Amino acid sequence: MSAVIPSMDGNSQRVSFGEGSLLKEMKSNNQGPNLIKLETKEPTWSKEKEAYVMDFNGRVKKGSVKNFQLACPASPDEEVMQFGRVDEDRFVLDFKS
């Protein structure tokens, strides 16, 4: 999964786009100065569990195809957002601002 969000301006405010303009900016300039692109972190294979796993730092308790982590390609080891199952019908969403 890929996500594109507006970057911050010099006043620590999100860059503003008019209605529909964020999509236009993304199509014309995939990684311009006004955009931050986030990518899904890939899970690693665990021989022990015989499954793909991700480290959610204790926040996620159950495996799910819905679990994911997003990071900037420039800093792939630093998660910006993570979403995961903690119970049968409960999920957590953590993000850094």
N, C-alpha and C. Protein backbone atom coordinates (compact mmCIF):
# COMPACT_ATOMS: atom_id res chain seq x y z
N MET A 1 0.85 -1.16 0.00
CA MET A 1 0.00 0.00 0.00
C MET A 1 0.90 1.23 0.00
N SER A 2 0.47 2.24 -0.68
CA SER A 2 1.13 3.54 -0.68
C SER A 2 0.12 4.58 -0.24
N ALA A 3 0.61 5.58 0.48
CA ALA A 3 -0.22 6.70 0.90
C ALA A 3 0.56 7.97 0.64
N VAL A 4 -0.14 9.02 0.21
CA VAL A 4 0.48 10.31 -0.03
C VAL A 4 -0.27 11.34 0.81
N ILE A 5 0.49 12.11 1.60
CA ILE A 5 -0.10 13.14 2.44
C ILE A 5 0.61 14.47 2.17
N PRO A 6 -0.06 15.60 2.45
CA PRO A 6 0.59 16.90 2.27
C PRO A 6 1.74 17.06 3.26
N SER A 7 2.80 17.73 2.84
CA SER A 7 3.93 18.01 3.73
C SER A 7 3.62 19.24 4.58
N MET A 8 4.56 19.63 5.43
CA MET A 8 4.41 20.80 6.29
C MET A 8 5.08 22.00 5.63
N ASP A 9 4.52 23.18 5.85
CA ASP A 9 5.14 24.40 5.33
C ASP A 9 6.08 24.99 6.38
N GLY A 10 6.63 26.16 6.12
CA GLY A 10 7.57 26.81 7.03
C GLY A 10 6.97 27.20 8.37
N ASN A 11 5.63 27.27 8.46
CA ASN A 11 4.93 27.62 9.71
C ASN A 11 4.40 26.39 10.44
N SER A 12 4.92 25.21 10.08
CA SER A 12 4.49 23.94 10.69
C SER A 12 3.00 23.68 10.47
N GLN A 13 2.48 24.12 9.34
CA GLN A 13 1.10 23.86 8.95
C GLN A 13 1.11 22.97 7.71
N ARG A 14 0.08 22.14 7.57
CA ARG A 14 -0.02 21.30 6.39
C ARG A 14 -0.17 22.16 5.15
N VAL A 15 0.53 21.81 4.08
CA VAL A 15 0.37 22.50 2.81
C VAL A 15 -1.07 22.31 2.36
N SER A 16 -1.70 23.39 1.93
CA SER A 16 -3.10 23.36 1.55
C SER A 16 -3.24 23.16 0.04
N PHE A 17 -4.17 22.32 -0.33
CA PHE A 17 -4.51 22.08 -1.73
C PHE A 17 -5.99 22.37 -1.87
N GLY A 18 -6.38 22.90 -3.01
CA GLY A 18 -7.80 23.10 -3.27
C GLY A 18 -8.49 21.75 -3.46
N GLU A 19 -9.79 21.74 -3.55
CA GLU A 19 -10.55 20.51 -3.70
C GLU A 19 -10.09 19.74 -4.94
N GLY A 20 -9.69 18.51 -4.74
CA GLY A 20 -9.23 17.66 -5.83
C GLY A 20 -7.80 17.92 -6.26
N SER A 21 -7.17 18.95 -5.71
CA SER A 21 -5.81 19.32 -6.14
C SER A 21 -4.74 18.38 -5.61
N LEU A 22 -4.96 17.74 -4.46
CA LEU A 22 -3.96 16.80 -3.93
C LEU A 22 -3.75 15.66 -4.92
N LEU A 23 -4.83 15.14 -5.47
CA LEU A 23 -4.73 14.07 -6.46
C LEU A 23 -4.01 14.56 -7.72
N LYS A 24 -4.32 15.76 -8.16
CA LYS A 24 -3.64 16.33 -9.33
C LYS A 24 -2.14 16.49 -9.07
N GLU A 25 -1.78 16.99 -7.88
CA GLU A 25 -0.38 17.16 -7.50
C GLU A 25 0.34 15.81 -7.48
N MET A 26 -0.33 14.81 -6.94
CA MET A 26 0.27 13.48 -6.86
C MET A 26 0.52 12.91 -8.25
N LYS A 27 -0.44 13.06 -9.15
CA LYS A 27 -0.30 12.53 -10.50
C LYS A 27 0.79 13.24 -11.28
N SER A 28 0.93 14.55 -11.07
CA SER A 28 1.91 15.30 -11.84
C SER A 28 3.30 15.29 -11.21
N ASN A 29 3.37 15.09 -9.90
CA ASN A 29 4.66 15.18 -9.20
C ASN A 29 4.65 14.21 -8.04
N ASN A 30 4.83 12.93 -8.31
CA ASN A 30 4.66 11.85 -7.35
C ASN A 30 5.33 12.06 -6.00
N GLN A 31 6.49 12.70 -5.95
CA GLN A 31 7.19 12.90 -4.69
C GLN A 31 7.76 14.30 -4.64
N GLY A 32 6.92 15.28 -4.86
CA GLY A 32 7.37 16.67 -4.86
C GLY A 32 7.56 17.20 -3.46
N PRO A 33 7.99 18.46 -3.35
CA PRO A 33 8.24 19.05 -2.05
C PRO A 33 6.98 19.25 -1.21
N ASN A 34 5.82 19.21 -1.82
CA ASN A 34 4.56 19.39 -1.09
C ASN A 34 3.90 18.08 -0.68
N LEU A 35 4.55 16.95 -0.99
CA LEU A 35 3.96 15.65 -0.71
C LEU A 35 4.92 14.77 0.08
N ILE A 36 4.36 13.94 0.94
CA ILE A 36 5.12 12.92 1.66
C ILE A 36 4.52 11.58 1.27
N LYS A 37 5.34 10.70 0.73
CA LYS A 37 4.87 9.38 0.32
C LYS A 37 5.23 8.36 1.41
N LEU A 38 4.25 7.56 1.80
CA LEU A 38 4.45 6.51 2.79
C LEU A 38 4.23 5.17 2.12
N GLU A 39 5.01 4.18 2.51
CA GLU A 39 4.92 2.84 1.94
C GLU A 39 4.69 1.81 3.05
N THR A 40 3.99 0.75 2.72
CA THR A 40 3.79 -0.35 3.64
C THR A 40 5.11 -1.05 3.92
N LYS A 41 5.37 -1.32 5.19
CA LYS A 41 6.55 -2.12 5.54
C LYS A 41 6.23 -3.58 5.22
N GLU A 42 7.21 -4.26 4.67
CA GLU A 42 7.02 -5.66 4.32
C GLU A 42 7.27 -6.56 5.53
N PRO A 43 6.45 -7.57 5.74
CA PRO A 43 6.70 -8.51 6.84
C PRO A 43 7.91 -9.39 6.52
N THR A 44 8.47 -9.99 7.55
CA THR A 44 9.59 -10.92 7.36
C THR A 44 9.13 -12.33 7.70
N TRP A 45 9.77 -13.31 7.09
CA TRP A 45 9.42 -14.71 7.32
C TRP A 45 10.03 -15.19 8.63
N SER A 46 9.21 -15.81 9.47
CA SER A 46 9.66 -16.40 10.72
C SER A 46 9.67 -17.92 10.57
N LYS A 47 10.87 -18.51 10.63
CA LYS A 47 10.97 -19.98 10.57
C LYS A 47 10.27 -20.59 11.77
N GLU A 48 10.41 -19.92 12.91
CA GLU A 48 9.83 -20.40 14.16
C GLU A 48 8.31 -20.54 14.07
N LYS A 49 7.65 -19.52 13.54
CA LYS A 49 6.18 -19.50 13.45
C LYS A 49 5.68 -20.00 12.10
N GLU A 50 6.62 -20.16 11.16
CA GLU A 50 6.27 -20.56 9.79
C GLU A 50 5.20 -19.64 9.22
N ALA A 51 5.45 -18.35 9.37
CA ALA A 51 4.51 -17.33 8.89
C ALA A 51 5.26 -16.02 8.74
N TYR A 52 4.66 -15.09 8.00
CA TYR A 52 5.21 -13.75 7.91
C TYR A 52 4.82 -12.98 9.17
N VAL A 53 5.75 -12.20 9.71
CA VAL A 53 5.51 -11.47 10.95
C VAL A 53 6.00 -10.02 10.83
N MET A 54 5.46 -9.18 11.71
CA MET A 54 5.88 -7.78 11.82
C MET A 54 5.97 -7.45 13.31
N ASP A 55 6.87 -6.55 13.66
CA ASP A 55 7.04 -6.13 15.04
C ASP A 55 6.20 -4.89 15.30
N PHE A 56 5.15 -5.04 16.09
CA PHE A 56 4.27 -3.93 16.44
C PHE A 56 4.57 -3.42 17.85
N ASN A 57 5.73 -3.75 18.38
CA ASN A 57 6.17 -3.27 19.69
C ASN A 57 5.16 -3.53 20.80
N GLY A 58 4.53 -4.70 20.76
CA GLY A 58 3.60 -5.10 21.80
C GLY A 58 2.20 -4.53 21.69
N ARG A 59 1.92 -3.69 20.71
CA ARG A 59 0.61 -3.05 20.59
C ARG A 59 -0.43 -3.95 19.94
N VAL A 60 0.00 -4.82 19.04
CA VAL A 60 -0.93 -5.69 18.31
C VAL A 60 -0.81 -7.10 18.86
N LYS A 61 -1.93 -7.68 19.20
CA LYS A 61 -1.93 -8.99 19.87
C LYS A 61 -2.33 -10.15 18.96
N LYS A 62 -3.04 -9.87 17.87
CA LYS A 62 -3.54 -10.94 16.99
C LYS A 62 -3.13 -10.69 15.55
N GLY A 63 -2.86 -11.77 14.86
CA GLY A 63 -2.56 -11.68 13.45
C GLY A 63 -3.82 -11.38 12.65
N SER A 64 -3.65 -10.61 11.59
CA SER A 64 -4.77 -10.28 10.72
C SER A 64 -4.23 -9.78 9.40
N VAL A 65 -4.94 -10.06 8.32
CA VAL A 65 -4.54 -9.52 7.02
C VAL A 65 -4.73 -8.01 6.99
N LYS A 66 -5.46 -7.46 7.96
CA LYS A 66 -5.69 -6.02 8.03
C LYS A 66 -4.55 -5.28 8.74
N ASN A 67 -3.67 -5.97 9.44
CA ASN A 67 -2.57 -5.32 10.14
C ASN A 67 -1.59 -4.73 9.13
N PHE A 68 -1.13 -3.49 9.40
CA PHE A 68 -0.13 -2.89 8.53
C PHE A 68 0.66 -1.82 9.26
N GLN A 69 1.80 -1.47 8.70
CA GLN A 69 2.64 -0.38 9.17
C GLN A 69 3.05 0.45 7.96
N LEU A 70 3.06 1.78 8.10
CA LEU A 70 3.50 2.68 7.04
C LEU A 70 4.76 3.40 7.50
N ALA A 71 5.70 3.57 6.56
CA ALA A 71 6.95 4.28 6.85
C ALA A 71 7.36 5.08 5.61
N CYS A 72 8.18 6.11 5.83
CA CYS A 72 8.75 6.88 4.72
C CYS A 72 9.85 6.03 4.09
N PRO A 73 9.93 5.96 2.77
CA PRO A 73 10.99 5.19 2.13
C PRO A 73 12.39 5.64 2.55
N ALA A 74 12.55 6.93 2.90
CA ALA A 74 13.86 7.43 3.33
C ALA A 74 14.25 6.90 4.71
N SER A 75 13.26 6.54 5.55
CA SER A 75 13.51 6.01 6.90
C SER A 75 12.63 4.77 7.11
N PRO A 76 12.91 3.67 6.41
CA PRO A 76 12.01 2.51 6.46
C PRO A 76 11.90 1.83 7.82
N ASP A 77 12.85 2.07 8.72
CA ASP A 77 12.78 1.44 10.05
C ASP A 77 11.98 2.26 11.05
N GLU A 78 11.51 3.43 10.66
CA GLU A 78 10.74 4.29 11.55
C GLU A 78 9.29 4.34 11.08
N GLU A 79 8.42 3.65 11.80
CA GLU A 79 7.01 3.62 11.42
C GLU A 79 6.36 4.96 11.70
N VAL A 80 5.52 5.41 10.77
CA VAL A 80 4.77 6.64 10.92
C VAL A 80 3.35 6.31 11.38
N MET A 81 2.85 5.16 10.96
CA MET A 81 1.51 4.73 11.32
C MET A 81 1.48 3.21 11.40
N GLN A 82 0.70 2.69 12.35
CA GLN A 82 0.47 1.25 12.39
C GLN A 82 -0.97 0.99 12.81
N PHE A 83 -1.51 -0.07 12.25
CA PHE A 83 -2.89 -0.47 12.50
C PHE A 83 -2.89 -1.97 12.71
N GLY A 84 -3.57 -2.44 13.75
CA GLY A 84 -3.57 -3.88 13.98
C GLY A 84 -4.64 -4.34 14.94
N ARG A 85 -4.89 -5.64 14.87
CA ARG A 85 -5.92 -6.29 15.69
C ARG A 85 -5.38 -6.56 17.09
N VAL A 86 -6.18 -6.21 18.11
CA VAL A 86 -5.82 -6.51 19.49
C VAL A 86 -6.79 -7.50 20.13
N ASP A 87 -7.93 -7.66 19.52
CA ASP A 87 -8.96 -8.54 20.05
C ASP A 87 -9.83 -8.98 18.88
N GLU A 88 -10.79 -9.84 19.14
CA GLU A 88 -11.65 -10.35 18.07
C GLU A 88 -12.32 -9.24 17.28
N ASP A 89 -12.76 -8.20 17.97
CA ASP A 89 -13.46 -7.12 17.28
C ASP A 89 -12.90 -5.74 17.63
N ARG A 90 -11.63 -5.66 18.02
CA ARG A 90 -11.01 -4.37 18.35
C ARG A 90 -9.66 -4.23 17.64
N PHE A 91 -9.42 -3.03 17.15
CA PHE A 91 -8.16 -2.71 16.47
C PHE A 91 -7.57 -1.46 17.11
N VAL A 92 -6.26 -1.26 16.94
CA VAL A 92 -5.62 -0.02 17.38
C VAL A 92 -5.01 0.68 16.16
N LEU A 93 -4.98 2.00 16.22
CA LEU A 93 -4.34 2.81 15.21
C LEU A 93 -3.40 3.76 15.93
N ASP A 94 -2.09 3.64 15.66
CA ASP A 94 -1.09 4.52 16.25
C ASP A 94 -0.46 5.32 15.12
N PHE A 95 -0.19 6.61 15.37
CA PHE A 95 0.45 7.43 14.37
C PHE A 95 1.31 8.48 15.03
N LYS A 96 2.31 8.95 14.28
CA LYS A 96 3.18 10.03 14.73
C LYS A 96 2.79 11.28 13.97
N SER A 97 2.75 12.41 14.65
CA SER A 97 2.42 13.65 13.94
C SER A 97 3.67 14.46 13.67
